[in-house]
Amino acid sequence: MYALTKDEVLKEKLDYAVNELAYLQSLDEDGFVGGFPRDCFDKAFTGEFEVERFSLAEQWVPWYSLHKVFCRPY
């Protein structure tokens, strides 16, 4: 959006958000940052999980979130 608008206020907000995510990522030894706990992610991709009505690996994780992590349009 910034590339199209050249809105400096927007760029400041984006830079702030990216810097905060980088800080959070630095706190995890593997660099994990996600909208759900790391152990849920690990269970989902090792096959050691149960699926219930609205949860995955004992956490509520929208499949939309996982899709956005792994299915990028580029």
PDB file of N, CA and C in Angstrom:
ATOM      1  N   MET A   1       0.828  -1.178   0.000  1.00  0.00           N
ATOM      2  CA  MET A   1       0.000   0.000   0.000  1.00  0.00           C
ATOM      3  C   MET A   1       0.878   1.250   0.000  1.00  0.00           C
ATOM      4  N   TYR A   2       1.950   1.219   0.765  1.00  0.00           N
ATOM      5  CA  TYR A   2       2.841   2.386   0.792  1.00  0.00           C
ATOM      6  C   TYR A   2       3.439   2.652  -0.585  1.00  0.00           C
ATOM      7  N   ALA A   3       3.814   1.572  -1.277  1.00  0.00           N
ATOM      8  CA  ALA A   3       4.410   1.740  -2.605  1.00  0.00           C
ATOM      9  C   ALA A   3       3.476   2.480  -3.551  1.00  0.00           C
ATOM     10  N   LEU A   4       2.191   2.276  -3.378  1.00  0.00           N
ATOM     11  CA  LEU A   4       1.219   2.950  -4.236  1.00  0.00           C
ATOM     12  C   LEU A   4       0.901   4.366  -3.774  1.00  0.00           C
ATOM     13  N   THR A   5       0.804   4.551  -2.454  1.00  0.00           N
ATOM     14  CA  THR A   5       0.328   5.844  -1.937  1.00  0.00           C
ATOM     15  C   THR A   5       1.431   6.814  -1.545  1.00  0.00           C
ATOM     16  N   LYS A   6       2.593   6.282  -1.202  1.00  0.00           N
ATOM     17  CA  LYS A   6       3.711   7.102  -0.682  1.00  0.00           C
ATOM     18  C   LYS A   6       3.302   7.877   0.569  1.00  0.00           C
ATOM     19  N   ASP A   7       2.344   7.350   1.300  1.00  0.00           N
ATOM     20  CA  ASP A   7       1.843   7.966   2.529  1.00  0.00           C
ATOM     21  C   ASP A   7       2.851   7.711   3.653  1.00  0.00           C
ATOM     22  N   GLU A   8       3.553   8.746   4.082  1.00  0.00           N
ATOM     23  CA  GLU A   8       4.612   8.613   5.090  1.00  0.00           C
ATOM     24  C   GLU A   8       4.073   8.183   6.454  1.00  0.00           C
ATOM     25  N   VAL A   9       2.867   8.624   6.819  1.00  0.00           N
ATOM     26  CA  VAL A   9       2.270   8.203   8.095  1.00  0.00           C
ATOM     27  C   VAL A   9       2.016   6.698   8.057  1.00  0.00           C
ATOM     28  N   LEU A  10       1.513   6.215   6.942  1.00  0.00           N
ATOM     29  CA  LEU A  10       1.300   4.775   6.781  1.00  0.00           C
ATOM     30  C   LEU A  10       2.620   4.026   6.894  1.00  0.00           C
ATOM     31  N   LYS A  11       3.659   4.546   6.242  1.00  0.00           N
ATOM     32  CA  LYS A  11       4.969   3.880   6.302  1.00  0.00           C
ATOM     33  C   LYS A  11       5.493   3.820   7.725  1.00  0.00           C
ATOM     34  N   GLU A  12       5.313   4.853   8.491  1.00  0.00           N
ATOM     35  CA  GLU A  12       5.740   4.842   9.890  1.00  0.00           C
ATOM     36  C   GLU A  12       5.012   3.747  10.670  1.00  0.00           C
ATOM     37  N   LYS A  13       3.724   3.623  10.438  1.00  0.00           N
ATOM     38  CA  LYS A  13       2.946   2.592  11.124  1.00  0.00           C
ATOM     39  C   LYS A  13       3.395   1.193  10.700  1.00  0.00           C
ATOM     40  N   LEU A  14       3.644   1.020   9.408  1.00  0.00           N
ATOM     41  CA  LEU A  14       4.109  -0.279   8.921  1.00  0.00           C
ATOM     42  C   LEU A  14       5.487  -0.620   9.483  1.00  0.00           C
ATOM     43  N   ASP A  15       6.375   0.356   9.480  1.00  0.00           N
ATOM     44  CA  ASP A  15       7.709   0.127  10.047  1.00  0.00           C
ATOM     45  C   ASP A  15       7.620  -0.261  11.512  1.00  0.00           C
ATOM     46  N   TYR A  16       6.757   0.406  12.250  1.00  0.00           N
ATOM     47  CA  TYR A  16       6.565   0.094  13.668  1.00  0.00           C
ATOM     48  C   TYR A  16       6.079  -1.348  13.825  1.00  0.00           C
ATOM     49  N   ALA A  17       5.075  -1.729  13.049  1.00  0.00           N
ATOM     50  CA  ALA A  17       4.520  -3.081  13.158  1.00  0.00           C
ATOM     51  C   ALA A  17       5.571  -4.138  12.819  1.00  0.00           C
ATOM     52  N   VAL A  18       6.325  -3.920  11.754  1.00  0.00           N
ATOM     53  CA  VAL A  18       7.356  -4.873  11.353  1.00  0.00           C
ATOM     54  C   VAL A  18       8.452  -4.961  12.420  1.00  0.00           C
ATOM     55  N   ASN A  19       8.849  -3.830  12.978  1.00  0.00           N
ATOM     56  CA  ASN A  19       9.871  -3.841  14.032  1.00  0.00           C
ATOM     57  C   ASN A  19       9.391  -4.572  15.279  1.00  0.00           C
ATOM     58  N   GLU A  20       8.131  -4.408  15.629  1.00  0.00           N
ATOM     59  CA  GLU A  20       7.578  -5.117  16.789  1.00  0.00           C
ATOM     60  C   GLU A  20       7.541  -6.621  16.538  1.00  0.00           C
ATOM     61  N   LEU A  21       7.167  -7.030  15.335  1.00  0.00           N
ATOM     62  CA  LEU A  21       7.176  -8.458  15.009  1.00  0.00           C
ATOM     63  C   LEU A  21       8.602  -9.013  15.050  1.00  0.00           C
ATOM     64  N   ALA A  22       9.554  -8.250  14.553  1.00  0.00           N
ATOM     65  CA  ALA A  22      10.957  -8.693  14.609  1.00  0.00           C
ATOM     66  C   ALA A  22      11.412  -8.850  16.054  1.00  0.00           C
ATOM     67  N   TYR A  23      10.999  -7.927  16.916  1.00  0.00           N
ATOM     68  CA  TYR A  23      11.352  -8.038  18.338  1.00  0.00           C
ATOM     69  C   TYR A  23      10.745  -9.300  18.934  1.00  0.00           C
ATOM     70  N   LEU A  24       9.472  -9.552  18.678  1.00  0.00           N
ATOM     71  CA  LEU A  24       8.831 -10.754  19.206  1.00  0.00           C
ATOM     72  C   LEU A  24       9.498 -12.012  18.670  1.00  0.00           C
ATOM     73  N   GLN A  25       9.864 -11.987  17.411  1.00  0.00           N
ATOM     74  CA  GLN A  25      10.536 -13.126  16.808  1.00  0.00           C
ATOM     75  C   GLN A  25      11.879 -13.379  17.488  1.00  0.00           C
ATOM     76  N   SER A  26      12.560 -12.327  17.891  1.00  0.00           N
ATOM     77  CA  SER A  26      13.866 -12.487  18.532  1.00  0.00           C
ATOM     78  C   SER A  26      13.760 -13.134  19.911  1.00  0.00           C
ATOM     79  N   LEU A  27      12.592 -13.118  20.496  1.00  0.00           N
ATOM     80  CA  LEU A  27      12.406 -13.701  21.822  1.00  0.00           C
ATOM     81  C   LEU A  27      12.294 -15.222  21.797  1.00  0.00           C
ATOM     82  N   ASP A  28      11.997 -15.798  20.628  1.00  0.00           N
ATOM     83  CA  ASP A  28      11.836 -17.238  20.503  1.00  0.00           C
ATOM     84  C   ASP A  28      13.119 -17.840  19.935  1.00  0.00           C
ATOM     85  N   GLU A  29      13.583 -18.928  20.522  1.00  0.00           N
ATOM     86  CA  GLU A  29      14.855 -19.503  20.078  1.00  0.00           C
ATOM     87  C   GLU A  29      14.818 -19.983  18.629  1.00  0.00           C
ATOM     88  N   ASP A  30      13.627 -20.341  18.129  1.00  0.00           N
ATOM     89  CA  ASP A  30      13.497 -20.761  16.734  1.00  0.00           C
ATOM     90  C   ASP A  30      12.978 -19.652  15.835  1.00  0.00           C
ATOM     91  N   GLY A  31      12.704 -18.482  16.420  1.00  0.00           N
ATOM     92  CA  GLY A  31      12.200 -17.368  15.629  1.00  0.00           C
ATOM     93  C   GLY A  31      10.734 -17.479  15.273  1.00  0.00           C
ATOM     94  N   PHE A  32       9.985 -18.294  16.019  1.00  0.00           N
ATOM     95  CA  PHE A  32       8.566 -18.478  15.705  1.00  0.00           C
ATOM     96  C   PHE A  32       7.740 -17.279  16.142  1.00  0.00           C
ATOM     97  N   VAL A  33       6.915 -16.799  15.232  1.00  0.00           N
ATOM     98  CA  VAL A  33       5.915 -15.778  15.533  1.00  0.00           C
ATOM     99  C   VAL A  33       4.646 -16.255  14.851  1.00  0.00           C
ATOM    100  N   GLY A  34       3.569 -16.362  15.605  1.00  0.00           N
ATOM    101  CA  GLY A  34       2.335 -16.828  14.992  1.00  0.00           C
ATOM    102  C   GLY A  34       1.113 -16.403  15.769  1.00  0.00           C
ATOM    103  N   GLY A  35      -0.016 -16.631  15.174  1.00  0.00           N
ATOM    104  CA  GLY A  35      -1.278 -16.306  15.799  1.00  0.00           C
ATOM    105  C   GLY A  35      -1.797 -17.417  16.679  1.00  0.00           C
ATOM    106  N   PHE A  36      -0.968 -18.413  16.913  1.00  0.00           N
ATOM    107  CA  PHE A  36      -1.315 -19.545  17.759  1.00  0.00           C
ATOM    108  C   PHE A  36      -0.025 -20.074  18.370  1.00  0.00           C
ATOM    109  N   PRO A  37      -0.117 -20.839  19.462  1.00  0.00           N
ATOM    110  CA  PRO A  37       1.098 -21.310  20.138  1.00  0.00           C
ATOM    111  C   PRO A  37       1.947 -22.235  19.261  1.00  0.00           C
ATOM    112  N   ARG A  38       3.227 -22.196  19.451  1.00  0.00           N
ATOM    113  CA  ARG A  38       4.162 -23.012  18.668  1.00  0.00           C
ATOM    114  C   ARG A  38       3.870 -24.498  18.801  1.00  0.00           C
ATOM    115  N   ASP A  39       3.514 -24.958  20.001  1.00  0.00           N
ATOM    116  CA  ASP A  39       3.275 -26.390  20.171  1.00  0.00           C
ATOM    117  C   ASP A  39       2.097 -26.865  19.332  1.00  0.00           C
ATOM    118  N   CYS A  40       1.128 -26.015  19.132  1.00  0.00           N
ATOM    119  CA  CYS A  40      -0.001 -26.357  18.264  1.00  0.00           C
ATOM    120  C   CYS A  40       0.489 -26.535  16.828  1.00  0.00           C
ATOM    121  N   PHE A  41       1.305 -25.637  16.374  1.00  0.00           N
ATOM    122  CA  PHE A  41       1.891 -25.710  15.040  1.00  0.00           C
ATOM    123  C   PHE A  41       2.680 -27.000  14.888  1.00  0.00           C
ATOM    124  N   ASP A  42       3.518 -27.303  15.872  1.00  0.00           N
ATOM    125  CA  ASP A  42       4.337 -28.507  15.814  1.00  0.00           C
ATOM    126  C   ASP A  42       3.477 -29.766  15.753  1.00  0.00           C
ATOM    127  N   LYS A  43       2.447 -29.836  16.599  1.00  0.00           N
ATOM    128  CA  LYS A  43       1.562 -31.008  16.604  1.00  0.00           C
ATOM    129  C   LYS A  43       0.851 -31.161  15.266  1.00  0.00           C
ATOM    130  N   ALA A  44       0.413 -30.057  14.700  1.00  0.00           N
ATOM    131  CA  ALA A  44      -0.337 -30.123  13.445  1.00  0.00           C
ATOM    132  C   ALA A  44       0.494 -30.695  12.310  1.00  0.00           C
ATOM    133  N   PHE A  45       1.786 -30.440  12.311  1.00  0.00           N
ATOM    134  CA  PHE A  45       2.611 -30.869  11.204  1.00  0.00           C
ATOM    135  C   PHE A  45       3.461 -32.096  11.488  1.00  0.00           C
ATOM    136  N   THR A  46       3.283 -32.686  12.667  1.00  0.00           N
ATOM    137  CA  THR A  46       3.909 -33.984  12.932  1.00  0.00           C
ATOM    138  C   THR A  46       2.876 -35.086  12.876  1.00  0.00           C
ATOM    139  N   GLY A  47       1.606 -34.697  12.838  1.00  0.00           N
ATOM    140  CA  GLY A  47       0.533 -35.680  12.799  1.00  0.00           C
ATOM    141  C   GLY A  47       0.078 -36.129  14.172  1.00  0.00           C
ATOM    142  N   GLU A  48       0.663 -35.575  15.224  1.00  0.00           N
ATOM    143  CA  GLU A  48       0.318 -35.956  16.594  1.00  0.00           C
ATOM    144  C   GLU A  48      -0.710 -34.991  17.163  1.00  0.00           C
ATOM    145  N   PHE A  49      -1.925 -35.003  16.603  1.00  0.00           N
ATOM    146  CA  PHE A  49      -2.955 -34.081  17.059  1.00  0.00           C
ATOM    147  C   PHE A  49      -4.335 -34.690  16.876  1.00  0.00           C
ATOM    148  N   GLU A  50      -5.280 -34.096  17.527  1.00  0.00           N
ATOM    149  CA  GLU A  50      -6.673 -34.451  17.344  1.00  0.00           C
ATOM    150  C   GLU A  50      -7.413 -33.209  16.863  1.00  0.00           C
ATOM    151  N   VAL A  51      -8.374 -33.448  16.002  1.00  0.00           N
ATOM    152  CA  VAL A  51      -9.182 -32.350  15.508  1.00  0.00           C
ATOM    153  C   VAL A  51     -10.551 -32.445  16.168  1.00  0.00           C
ATOM    154  N   GLU A  52     -10.967 -31.354  16.748  1.00  0.00           N
ATOM    155  CA  GLU A  52     -12.289 -31.285  17.336  1.00  0.00           C
ATOM    156  C   GLU A  52     -13.093 -30.270  16.541  1.00  0.00           C
ATOM    157  N   ARG A  53     -14.264 -29.959  17.004  1.00  0.00           N
ATOM    158  CA  ARG A  53     -15.157 -29.103  16.222  1.00  0.00           C
ATOM    159  C   ARG A  53     -14.517 -27.772  15.806  1.00  0.00           C
ATOM    160  N   PHE A  54     -13.929 -27.042  16.726  1.00  0.00           N
ATOM    161  CA  PHE A  54     -13.320 -25.757  16.389  1.00  0.00           C
ATOM    162  C   PHE A  54     -11.895 -25.667  16.902  1.00  0.00           C
ATOM    163  N   SER A  55     -11.217 -26.778  17.009  1.00  0.00           N
ATOM    164  CA  SER A  55      -9.852 -26.703  17.522  1.00  0.00           C
ATOM    165  C   SER A  55      -8.955 -27.697  16.801  1.00  0.00           C
ATOM    166  N   LEU A  56      -7.687 -27.443  16.934  1.00  0.00           N
ATOM    167  CA  LEU A  56      -6.662 -28.304  16.372  1.00  0.00           C
ATOM    168  C   LEU A  56      -5.551 -28.400  17.396  1.00  0.00           C
ATOM    169  N   ALA A  57      -5.181 -29.597  17.750  1.00  0.00           N
ATOM    170  CA  ALA A  57      -4.099 -29.826  18.717  1.00  0.00           C
ATOM    171  C   ALA A  57      -4.353 -29.069  20.017  1.00  0.00           C
ATOM    172  N   GLU A  58      -5.576 -29.125  20.484  1.00  0.00           N
ATOM    173  CA  GLU A  58      -5.995 -28.532  21.750  1.00  0.00           C
ATOM    174  C   GLU A  58      -5.949 -27.001  21.759  1.00  0.00           C
ATOM    175  N   GLN A  59      -5.886 -26.381  20.595  1.00  0.00           N
ATOM    176  CA  GLN A  59      -5.898 -24.923  20.481  1.00  0.00           C
ATOM    177  C   GLN A  59      -6.926 -24.541  19.423  1.00  0.00           C
ATOM    178  N   TRP A  60      -7.545 -23.384  19.601  1.00  0.00           N
ATOM    179  CA  TRP A  60      -8.440 -22.914  18.568  1.00  0.00           C
ATOM    180  C   TRP A  60      -7.599 -22.222  17.517  1.00  0.00           C
ATOM    181  N   VAL A  61      -7.527 -22.834  16.361  1.00  0.00           N
ATOM    182  CA  VAL A  61      -6.701 -22.301  15.283  1.00  0.00           C
ATOM    183  C   VAL A  61      -7.514 -22.276  14.006  1.00  0.00           C
ATOM    184  N   PRO A  62      -7.804 -21.123  13.520  1.00  0.00           N
ATOM    185  CA  PRO A  62      -8.525 -21.087  12.245  1.00  0.00           C
ATOM    186  C   PRO A  62      -7.648 -21.620  11.122  1.00  0.00           C
ATOM    187  N   TRP A  63      -8.204 -22.500  10.318  1.00  0.00           N
ATOM    188  CA  TRP A  63      -7.441 -23.026   9.189  1.00  0.00           C
ATOM    189  C   TRP A  63      -7.009 -21.903   8.262  1.00  0.00           C
ATOM    190  N   TYR A  64      -7.767 -20.825   8.268  1.00  0.00           N
ATOM    191  CA  TYR A  64      -7.408 -19.658   7.469  1.00  0.00           C
ATOM    192  C   TYR A  64      -5.995 -19.190   7.810  1.00  0.00           C
ATOM    193  N   SER A  65      -5.659 -19.175   9.096  1.00  0.00           N
ATOM    194  CA  SER A  65      -4.328 -18.719   9.522  1.00  0.00           C
ATOM    195  C   SER A  65      -3.244 -19.625   8.963  1.00  0.00           C
ATOM    196  N   LEU A  66      -3.439 -20.928   9.074  1.00  0.00           N
ATOM    197  CA  LEU A  66      -2.447 -21.857   8.548  1.00  0.00           C
ATOM    198  C   LEU A  66      -2.331 -21.719   7.030  1.00  0.00           C
ATOM    199  N   HIS A  67      -3.451 -21.538   6.376  1.00  0.00           N
ATOM    200  CA  HIS A  67      -3.438 -21.378   4.927  1.00  0.00           C
ATOM    201  C   HIS A  67      -2.614 -20.159   4.532  1.00  0.00           C
ATOM    202  N   LYS A  68      -2.759 -19.069   5.259  1.00  0.00           N
ATOM    203  CA  LYS A  68      -2.028 -17.851   4.926  1.00  0.00           C
ATOM    204  C   LYS A  68      -0.531 -17.998   5.180  1.00  0.00           C
ATOM    205  N   VAL A  69      -0.154 -18.865   6.125  1.00  0.00           N
ATOM    206  CA  VAL A  69       1.266 -19.086   6.387  1.00  0.00           C
ATOM    207  C   VAL A  69       1.903 -19.861   5.223  1.00  0.00           C
ATOM    208  N   PHE A  70       1.187 -20.828   4.682  1.00  0.00           N
ATOM    209  CA  PHE A  70       1.787 -21.734   3.707  1.00  0.00           C
ATOM    210  C   PHE A  70       1.375 -21.529   2.255  1.00  0.00           C
ATOM    211  N   CYS A  71       0.309 -20.815   2.007  1.00  0.00           N
ATOM    212  CA  CYS A  71      -0.186 -20.656   0.631  1.00  0.00           C
ATOM    213  C   CYS A  71      -0.115 -19.193   0.227  1.00  0.00           C
ATOM    214  N   ARG A  72       1.024 -18.786  -0.204  1.00  0.00           N
ATOM    215  CA  ARG A  72       1.209 -17.399  -0.620  1.00  0.00           C
ATOM    216  C   ARG A  72       0.930 -17.287  -2.114  1.00  0.00           C
ATOM    217  N   PRO A  73       0.368 -16.169  -2.522  1.00  0.00           N
ATOM    218  CA  PRO A  73       0.028 -16.012  -3.946  1.00  0.00           C
ATOM    219  C   PRO A  73       1.229 -15.712  -4.842  1.00  0.00           C
ATOM    220  N   TYR A  74       2.434 -15.679  -4.296  1.00  0.00           N
ATOM    221  CA  TYR A  74       3.597 -15.365  -5.130  1.00  0.00           C
ATOM    222  C   TYR A  74       4.659 -16.416  -4.989  1.00  0.00           C
TER     223      TYR A  74
END
